[in-house]
Amino acid sequence: MIYPSNSLVLAPLSGFTDPPYRRSARRHGCRYAFTEMLDAGSLAMGNGKTDKMLVRDDDESWLGVQLVGADLAHLAKAAEILNDGNFDVLDFNLGCPAPKVVRKGEGAKLAEDPETAARTFEVLSRISRFPVTAK
């Protein structure tokens, strides 16, 4: 079990779940928090903005990272990059309904194709040194 029952979990929120926001949530009892959702393609291609979203403060006892993507090569490369980081879980996004995500066949759109979603999850699970979840 990753989260004990009755746990407060701070989901990834684009533009919000940076270290100061997570610190505030932790002061109010939330131990389990995630970085912002990261685009696997941006991470794989070395987008500096994405790298900044991976910062973990020294006082964070637990931190999850969430990826979104559909391209298997980008997901594999992103998982390899994340393996060098300090995270507790890698979560794969299958629910984001944002038009810019769905247009690329990612997030909620990928969830409509269980066979492809399973292949992406398999790639992440095989490469990641962290437990892999999906939501």
N, C-alpha and C. Protein backbone atom coordinates (compact mmCIF):
# COMPACT_ATOMS: atom_id res chain seq x y z
N MET A 1 0.85 -1.17 0.00
CA MET A 1 0.00 0.00 0.00
C MET A 1 0.90 1.24 0.00
N ILE A 2 0.62 2.14 -0.92
CA ILE A 2 1.42 3.36 -1.00
C ILE A 2 0.95 4.40 0.01
N TYR A 3 -0.36 4.55 0.14
CA TYR A 3 -0.91 5.55 1.04
C TYR A 3 -1.73 4.85 2.13
N PRO A 4 -1.42 5.12 3.39
CA PRO A 4 -2.24 4.56 4.46
C PRO A 4 -3.67 5.10 4.36
N SER A 5 -4.63 4.35 4.90
CA SER A 5 -6.02 4.81 4.84
C SER A 5 -6.15 6.15 5.56
N ASN A 6 -7.10 6.94 5.13
CA ASN A 6 -7.36 8.28 5.67
C ASN A 6 -6.25 9.28 5.41
N SER A 7 -5.39 9.01 4.42
CA SER A 7 -4.31 9.93 4.07
C SER A 7 -4.83 11.09 3.24
N LEU A 8 -4.22 12.25 3.42
CA LEU A 8 -4.47 13.38 2.55
C LEU A 8 -3.43 13.33 1.45
N VAL A 9 -3.87 13.38 0.20
CA VAL A 9 -2.96 13.31 -0.94
C VAL A 9 -3.20 14.55 -1.81
N LEU A 10 -2.12 15.29 -2.07
CA LEU A 10 -2.20 16.47 -2.93
C LEU A 10 -1.88 16.05 -4.35
N ALA A 11 -2.89 16.07 -5.19
CA ALA A 11 -2.73 15.68 -6.59
C ALA A 11 -1.93 16.73 -7.35
N PRO A 12 -1.36 16.34 -8.48
CA PRO A 12 -0.64 17.30 -9.32
C PRO A 12 -1.61 18.36 -9.85
N LEU A 13 -1.25 19.61 -9.70
CA LEU A 13 -2.07 20.71 -10.20
C LEU A 13 -1.17 21.60 -11.05
N SER A 14 -1.42 21.63 -12.33
CA SER A 14 -0.60 22.42 -13.25
C SER A 14 -0.54 23.88 -12.81
N GLY A 15 0.67 24.38 -12.68
CA GLY A 15 0.86 25.76 -12.28
C GLY A 15 0.78 26.02 -10.79
N PHE A 16 0.55 24.98 -9.99
CA PHE A 16 0.36 25.18 -8.56
C PHE A 16 1.26 24.35 -7.66
N THR A 17 1.43 23.08 -7.95
CA THR A 17 2.09 22.20 -6.97
C THR A 17 3.61 22.30 -7.02
N ASP A 18 4.09 23.53 -6.85
CA ASP A 18 5.52 23.78 -6.73
C ASP A 18 5.91 23.63 -5.25
N PRO A 19 7.21 23.71 -4.92
CA PRO A 19 7.60 23.50 -3.51
C PRO A 19 6.89 24.40 -2.50
N PRO A 20 6.70 25.71 -2.73
CA PRO A 20 5.99 26.50 -1.71
C PRO A 20 4.55 26.04 -1.49
N TYR A 21 3.86 25.69 -2.55
CA TYR A 21 2.48 25.22 -2.42
C TYR A 21 2.45 23.90 -1.65
N ARG A 22 3.36 23.00 -1.99
CA ARG A 22 3.42 21.70 -1.28
C ARG A 22 3.77 21.92 0.19
N ARG A 23 4.65 22.85 0.47
CA ARG A 23 5.02 23.14 1.86
C ARG A 23 3.80 23.61 2.64
N SER A 24 3.00 24.46 2.03
CA SER A 24 1.78 24.94 2.68
C SER A 24 0.83 23.78 2.96
N ALA A 25 0.64 22.91 1.98
CA ALA A 25 -0.24 21.75 2.17
C ALA A 25 0.28 20.85 3.28
N ARG A 26 1.57 20.67 3.35
CA ARG A 26 2.16 19.81 4.39
C ARG A 26 1.94 20.40 5.79
N ARG A 27 1.99 21.71 5.89
CA ARG A 27 1.73 22.36 7.19
C ARG A 27 0.32 22.07 7.67
N HIS A 28 -0.57 21.73 6.75
CA HIS A 28 -1.96 21.46 7.09
C HIS A 28 -2.28 19.97 7.07
N GLY A 29 -1.25 19.13 7.19
CA GLY A 29 -1.46 17.71 7.36
C GLY A 29 -1.34 16.82 6.13
N CYS A 30 -0.95 17.37 5.01
CA CYS A 30 -0.83 16.57 3.79
C CYS A 30 0.61 16.08 3.63
N ARG A 31 0.84 14.81 3.88
CA ARG A 31 2.19 14.26 3.74
C ARG A 31 2.50 13.89 2.30
N TYR A 32 1.50 13.44 1.56
CA TYR A 32 1.70 12.90 0.22
C TYR A 32 1.36 13.95 -0.83
N ALA A 33 2.38 14.39 -1.56
CA ALA A 33 2.18 15.44 -2.56
C ALA A 33 2.93 15.09 -3.84
N PHE A 34 2.47 15.67 -4.94
CA PHE A 34 3.05 15.43 -6.26
C PHE A 34 3.59 16.72 -6.85
N THR A 35 4.57 16.57 -7.73
CA THR A 35 5.00 17.69 -8.57
C THR A 35 3.85 18.03 -9.50
N GLU A 36 4.03 19.08 -10.29
CA GLU A 36 3.07 19.35 -11.35
C GLU A 36 3.14 18.21 -12.36
N MET A 37 2.09 18.01 -13.12
CA MET A 37 2.09 17.01 -14.18
C MET A 37 3.17 17.40 -15.20
N LEU A 38 4.00 16.43 -15.56
CA LEU A 38 5.10 16.67 -16.49
C LEU A 38 4.83 16.00 -17.82
N ASP A 39 5.05 16.71 -18.89
CA ASP A 39 4.92 16.14 -20.22
C ASP A 39 6.16 15.31 -20.52
N ALA A 40 5.97 14.03 -20.83
CA ALA A 40 7.09 13.12 -21.08
C ALA A 40 7.95 13.61 -22.25
N GLY A 41 7.32 14.14 -23.29
CA GLY A 41 8.08 14.65 -24.43
C GLY A 41 8.96 15.82 -24.05
N SER A 42 8.45 16.74 -23.27
CA SER A 42 9.24 17.89 -22.82
C SER A 42 10.42 17.45 -21.97
N LEU A 43 10.17 16.50 -21.09
CA LEU A 43 11.24 15.99 -20.23
C LEU A 43 12.29 15.27 -21.07
N ALA A 44 11.85 14.43 -21.99
CA ALA A 44 12.77 13.66 -22.84
C ALA A 44 13.62 14.57 -23.73
N MET A 45 13.04 15.69 -24.16
CA MET A 45 13.76 16.61 -25.05
C MET A 45 14.58 17.65 -24.30
N GLY A 46 14.57 17.58 -22.97
CA GLY A 46 15.42 18.47 -22.19
C GLY A 46 14.90 19.88 -22.01
N ASN A 47 13.60 20.05 -21.96
CA ASN A 47 13.01 21.37 -21.73
C ASN A 47 13.38 21.83 -20.31
N GLY A 48 14.11 22.94 -20.21
CA GLY A 48 14.56 23.44 -18.92
C GLY A 48 13.45 23.76 -17.95
N LYS A 49 12.31 24.22 -18.46
CA LYS A 49 11.16 24.53 -17.60
C LYS A 49 10.68 23.26 -16.89
N THR A 50 10.67 22.16 -17.61
CA THR A 50 10.24 20.89 -17.03
C THR A 50 11.20 20.45 -15.93
N ASP A 51 12.49 20.63 -16.15
CA ASP A 51 13.49 20.26 -15.14
C ASP A 51 13.26 21.00 -13.83
N LYS A 52 12.85 22.26 -13.90
CA LYS A 52 12.61 23.05 -12.69
C LYS A 52 11.43 22.51 -11.89
N MET A 53 10.52 21.83 -12.57
CA MET A 53 9.35 21.29 -11.89
C MET A 53 9.69 20.03 -11.09
N LEU A 54 10.91 19.53 -11.24
CA LEU A 54 11.33 18.31 -10.53
C LEU A 54 12.03 18.60 -9.21
N VAL A 55 12.12 19.85 -8.83
CA VAL A 55 12.83 20.22 -7.60
C VAL A 55 12.09 19.67 -6.39
N ARG A 56 12.86 19.04 -5.52
CA ARG A 56 12.33 18.51 -4.25
C ARG A 56 13.04 19.22 -3.12
N ASP A 57 12.29 19.86 -2.25
CA ASP A 57 12.88 20.52 -1.09
C ASP A 57 13.44 19.49 -0.12
N ASP A 58 14.47 19.88 0.63
CA ASP A 58 15.10 18.98 1.58
C ASP A 58 14.14 18.48 2.65
N ASP A 59 13.14 19.28 2.98
CA ASP A 59 12.22 18.90 4.05
C ASP A 59 11.02 18.08 3.57
N GLU A 60 10.99 17.71 2.29
CA GLU A 60 9.87 16.91 1.78
C GLU A 60 10.17 15.43 2.02
N SER A 61 9.42 14.84 2.93
CA SER A 61 9.66 13.43 3.27
C SER A 61 9.10 12.47 2.23
N TRP A 62 8.18 12.95 1.40
CA TRP A 62 7.57 12.10 0.37
C TRP A 62 7.20 12.98 -0.80
N LEU A 63 7.55 12.52 -2.02
CA LEU A 63 7.18 13.29 -3.21
C LEU A 63 6.96 12.35 -4.39
N GLY A 64 5.81 12.50 -5.00
CA GLY A 64 5.50 11.75 -6.21
C GLY A 64 5.67 12.65 -7.42
N VAL A 65 5.88 12.02 -8.57
CA VAL A 65 5.99 12.74 -9.83
C VAL A 65 4.97 12.15 -10.78
N GLN A 66 4.32 12.99 -11.59
CA GLN A 66 3.33 12.48 -12.53
C GLN A 66 3.71 12.83 -13.95
N LEU A 67 3.64 11.83 -14.82
CA LEU A 67 3.93 12.00 -16.24
C LEU A 67 2.65 11.89 -17.05
N VAL A 68 2.61 12.62 -18.15
CA VAL A 68 1.56 12.46 -19.14
C VAL A 68 2.26 12.29 -20.48
N GLY A 69 1.72 11.45 -21.32
CA GLY A 69 2.30 11.24 -22.64
C GLY A 69 1.68 10.03 -23.30
N ALA A 70 1.99 9.84 -24.56
CA ALA A 70 1.50 8.68 -25.29
C ALA A 70 2.59 8.07 -26.16
N ASP A 71 3.64 8.84 -26.45
CA ASP A 71 4.74 8.36 -27.28
C ASP A 71 5.64 7.45 -26.45
N LEU A 72 5.75 6.18 -26.85
CA LEU A 72 6.49 5.21 -26.05
C LEU A 72 7.97 5.57 -25.89
N ALA A 73 8.59 6.10 -26.93
CA ALA A 73 10.00 6.48 -26.84
C ALA A 73 10.19 7.64 -25.85
N HIS A 74 9.30 8.62 -25.89
CA HIS A 74 9.40 9.74 -24.95
C HIS A 74 9.15 9.27 -23.52
N LEU A 75 8.18 8.40 -23.34
CA LEU A 75 7.90 7.88 -21.99
C LEU A 75 9.09 7.10 -21.45
N ALA A 76 9.71 6.29 -22.30
CA ALA A 76 10.88 5.51 -21.87
C ALA A 76 12.02 6.43 -21.46
N LYS A 77 12.32 7.43 -22.28
CA LYS A 77 13.39 8.38 -21.97
C LYS A 77 13.07 9.17 -20.71
N ALA A 78 11.83 9.60 -20.57
CA ALA A 78 11.42 10.35 -19.38
C ALA A 78 11.60 9.50 -18.12
N ALA A 79 11.21 8.23 -18.18
CA ALA A 79 11.38 7.35 -17.03
C ALA A 79 12.85 7.18 -16.68
N GLU A 80 13.70 7.07 -17.69
CA GLU A 80 15.15 6.96 -17.44
C GLU A 80 15.67 8.21 -16.75
N ILE A 81 15.23 9.38 -17.19
CA ILE A 81 15.64 10.64 -16.58
C ILE A 81 15.17 10.71 -15.13
N LEU A 82 13.92 10.33 -14.91
CA LEU A 82 13.37 10.37 -13.55
C LEU A 82 14.08 9.40 -12.61
N ASN A 83 14.62 8.32 -13.15
CA ASN A 83 15.36 7.36 -12.31
C ASN A 83 16.53 8.01 -11.59
N ASP A 84 17.04 9.10 -12.12
CA ASP A 84 18.14 9.82 -11.47
C ASP A 84 17.64 10.77 -10.39
N GLY A 85 16.34 10.90 -10.26
CA GLY A 85 15.75 11.82 -9.29
C GLY A 85 15.45 11.15 -7.97
N ASN A 86 14.86 11.92 -7.09
CA ASN A 86 14.54 11.46 -5.74
C ASN A 86 13.02 11.55 -5.55
N PHE A 87 12.34 10.49 -5.96
CA PHE A 87 10.88 10.45 -5.87
C PHE A 87 10.45 9.16 -5.19
N ASP A 88 9.21 9.13 -4.75
CA ASP A 88 8.69 7.94 -4.07
C ASP A 88 7.76 7.13 -4.95
N VAL A 89 7.18 7.76 -5.96
CA VAL A 89 6.27 7.06 -6.86
C VAL A 89 6.23 7.83 -8.19
N LEU A 90 6.02 7.08 -9.25
CA LEU A 90 5.79 7.66 -10.58
C LEU A 90 4.34 7.36 -10.94
N ASP A 91 3.57 8.41 -11.13
CA ASP A 91 2.17 8.24 -11.49
C ASP A 91 1.98 8.60 -12.95
N PHE A 92 1.22 7.78 -13.66
CA PHE A 92 0.95 8.01 -15.08
C PHE A 92 -0.45 8.56 -15.23
N ASN A 93 -0.57 9.70 -15.90
CA ASN A 93 -1.86 10.38 -16.02
C ASN A 93 -2.70 9.78 -17.14
N LEU A 94 -3.87 9.30 -16.77
CA LEU A 94 -4.85 8.78 -17.72
C LEU A 94 -6.19 9.50 -17.57
N GLY A 95 -6.16 10.71 -17.00
CA GLY A 95 -7.43 11.37 -16.74
C GLY A 95 -7.52 12.83 -17.09
N CYS A 96 -6.42 13.46 -17.46
CA CYS A 96 -6.47 14.89 -17.73
C CYS A 96 -7.35 15.18 -18.94
N PRO A 97 -8.40 16.00 -18.75
CA PRO A 97 -9.31 16.30 -19.86
C PRO A 97 -8.95 17.59 -20.61
N ALA A 98 -7.83 18.24 -20.25
CA ALA A 98 -7.48 19.51 -20.89
C ALA A 98 -7.36 19.33 -22.40
N PRO A 99 -7.97 20.22 -23.17
CA PRO A 99 -7.93 20.08 -24.63
C PRO A 99 -6.53 19.93 -25.21
N LYS A 100 -5.55 20.67 -24.68
CA LYS A 100 -4.20 20.57 -25.23
C LYS A 100 -3.56 19.21 -24.96
N VAL A 101 -4.02 18.51 -23.95
CA VAL A 101 -3.52 17.17 -23.64
C VAL A 101 -4.27 16.14 -24.50
N VAL A 102 -5.57 16.23 -24.52
CA VAL A 102 -6.41 15.28 -25.26
C VAL A 102 -6.12 15.32 -26.77
N ARG A 103 -5.87 16.52 -27.30
CA ARG A 103 -5.55 16.65 -28.74
C ARG A 103 -4.34 15.81 -29.13
N LYS A 104 -3.41 15.62 -28.19
CA LYS A 104 -2.19 14.84 -28.48
C LYS A 104 -2.40 13.34 -28.21
N GLY A 105 -3.62 12.95 -27.86
CA GLY A 105 -3.91 11.54 -27.58
C GLY A 105 -3.44 11.10 -26.21
N GLU A 106 -3.29 12.06 -25.30
CA GLU A 106 -2.77 11.77 -23.96
C GLU A 106 -3.87 11.93 -22.91
N GLY A 107 -3.54 11.65 -21.66
CA GLY A 107 -4.48 11.85 -20.57
C GLY A 107 -5.77 11.09 -20.76
N ALA A 108 -6.89 11.78 -20.65
CA ALA A 108 -8.21 11.14 -20.76
C ALA A 108 -8.41 10.46 -22.11
N LYS A 109 -7.82 11.00 -23.17
CA LYS A 109 -7.96 10.40 -24.51
C LYS A 109 -7.28 9.03 -24.55
N LEU A 110 -6.11 8.92 -23.94
CA LEU A 110 -5.40 7.64 -23.91
C LEU A 110 -6.18 6.59 -23.12
N ALA A 111 -6.90 7.03 -22.09
CA ALA A 111 -7.69 6.11 -21.29
C ALA A 111 -8.82 5.47 -22.10
N GLU A 112 -9.20 6.08 -23.21
CA GLU A 112 -10.23 5.51 -24.08
C GLU A 112 -9.72 4.33 -24.90
N ASP A 113 -8.41 4.12 -24.89
CA ASP A 113 -7.79 3.03 -25.65
C ASP A 113 -7.01 2.15 -24.66
N PRO A 114 -7.69 1.23 -23.98
CA PRO A 114 -7.05 0.44 -22.93
C PRO A 114 -5.81 -0.34 -23.39
N GLU A 115 -5.80 -0.82 -24.62
CA GLU A 115 -4.66 -1.59 -25.10
C GLU A 115 -3.40 -0.70 -25.20
N THR A 116 -3.55 0.48 -25.75
CA THR A 116 -2.41 1.41 -25.85
C THR A 116 -2.02 1.90 -24.46
N ALA A 117 -3.00 2.19 -23.63
CA ALA A 117 -2.70 2.63 -22.26
C ALA A 117 -1.90 1.56 -21.52
N ALA A 118 -2.26 0.30 -21.70
CA ALA A 118 -1.53 -0.79 -21.06
C ALA A 118 -0.09 -0.86 -21.56
N ARG A 119 0.11 -0.63 -22.86
CA ARG A 119 1.49 -0.64 -23.40
C ARG A 119 2.32 0.48 -22.80
N THR A 120 1.74 1.66 -22.66
CA THR A 120 2.49 2.78 -22.08
C THR A 120 2.82 2.49 -20.62
N PHE A 121 1.86 1.93 -19.91
CA PHE A 121 2.08 1.60 -18.50
C PHE A 121 3.17 0.53 -18.37
N GLU A 122 3.17 -0.43 -19.29
CA GLU A 122 4.19 -1.48 -19.26
C GLU A 122 5.59 -0.90 -19.46
N VAL A 123 5.73 0.04 -20.40
CA VAL A 123 7.03 0.68 -20.63
C VAL A 123 7.50 1.38 -19.36
N LEU A 124 6.63 2.15 -18.75
CA LEU A 124 7.01 2.87 -17.53
C LEU A 124 7.36 1.91 -16.41
N SER A 125 6.58 0.86 -16.24
CA SER A 125 6.82 -0.11 -15.17
C SER A 125 8.13 -0.86 -15.36
N ARG A 126 8.48 -1.13 -16.60
CA ARG A 126 9.71 -1.87 -16.89
C ARG A 126 10.95 -1.01 -16.62
N ILE A 127 10.87 0.28 -16.92
CA ILE A 127 12.04 1.14 -16.84
C ILE A 127 12.18 1.86 -15.50
N SER A 128 11.07 2.25 -14.90
CA SER A 128 11.12 3.05 -13.67
C SER A 128 11.64 2.24 -12.48
N ARG A 129 12.48 2.87 -11.70
CA ARG A 129 12.94 2.25 -10.45
C ARG A 129 11.97 2.54 -9.30
N PHE A 130 10.97 3.37 -9.59
CA PHE A 130 9.94 3.72 -8.60
C PHE A 130 8.68 2.90 -8.86
N PRO A 131 7.86 2.71 -7.82
CA PRO A 131 6.55 2.09 -8.08
C PRO A 131 5.78 2.97 -9.08
N VAL A 132 5.04 2.35 -9.98
CA VAL A 132 4.29 3.09 -10.99
C VAL A 132 2.79 2.89 -10.73
N THR A 133 2.09 4.01 -10.68
CA THR A 133 0.64 3.98 -10.51
C THR A 133 0.02 4.72 -11.69
N ALA A 134 -1.27 4.66 -11.80
CA ALA A 134 -1.98 5.40 -12.84
C ALA A 134 -3.28 5.93 -12.26
N LYS A 135 -3.65 7.10 -12.71
CA LYS A 135 -4.96 7.65 -12.35
C LYS A 135 -5.43 8.56 -13.44
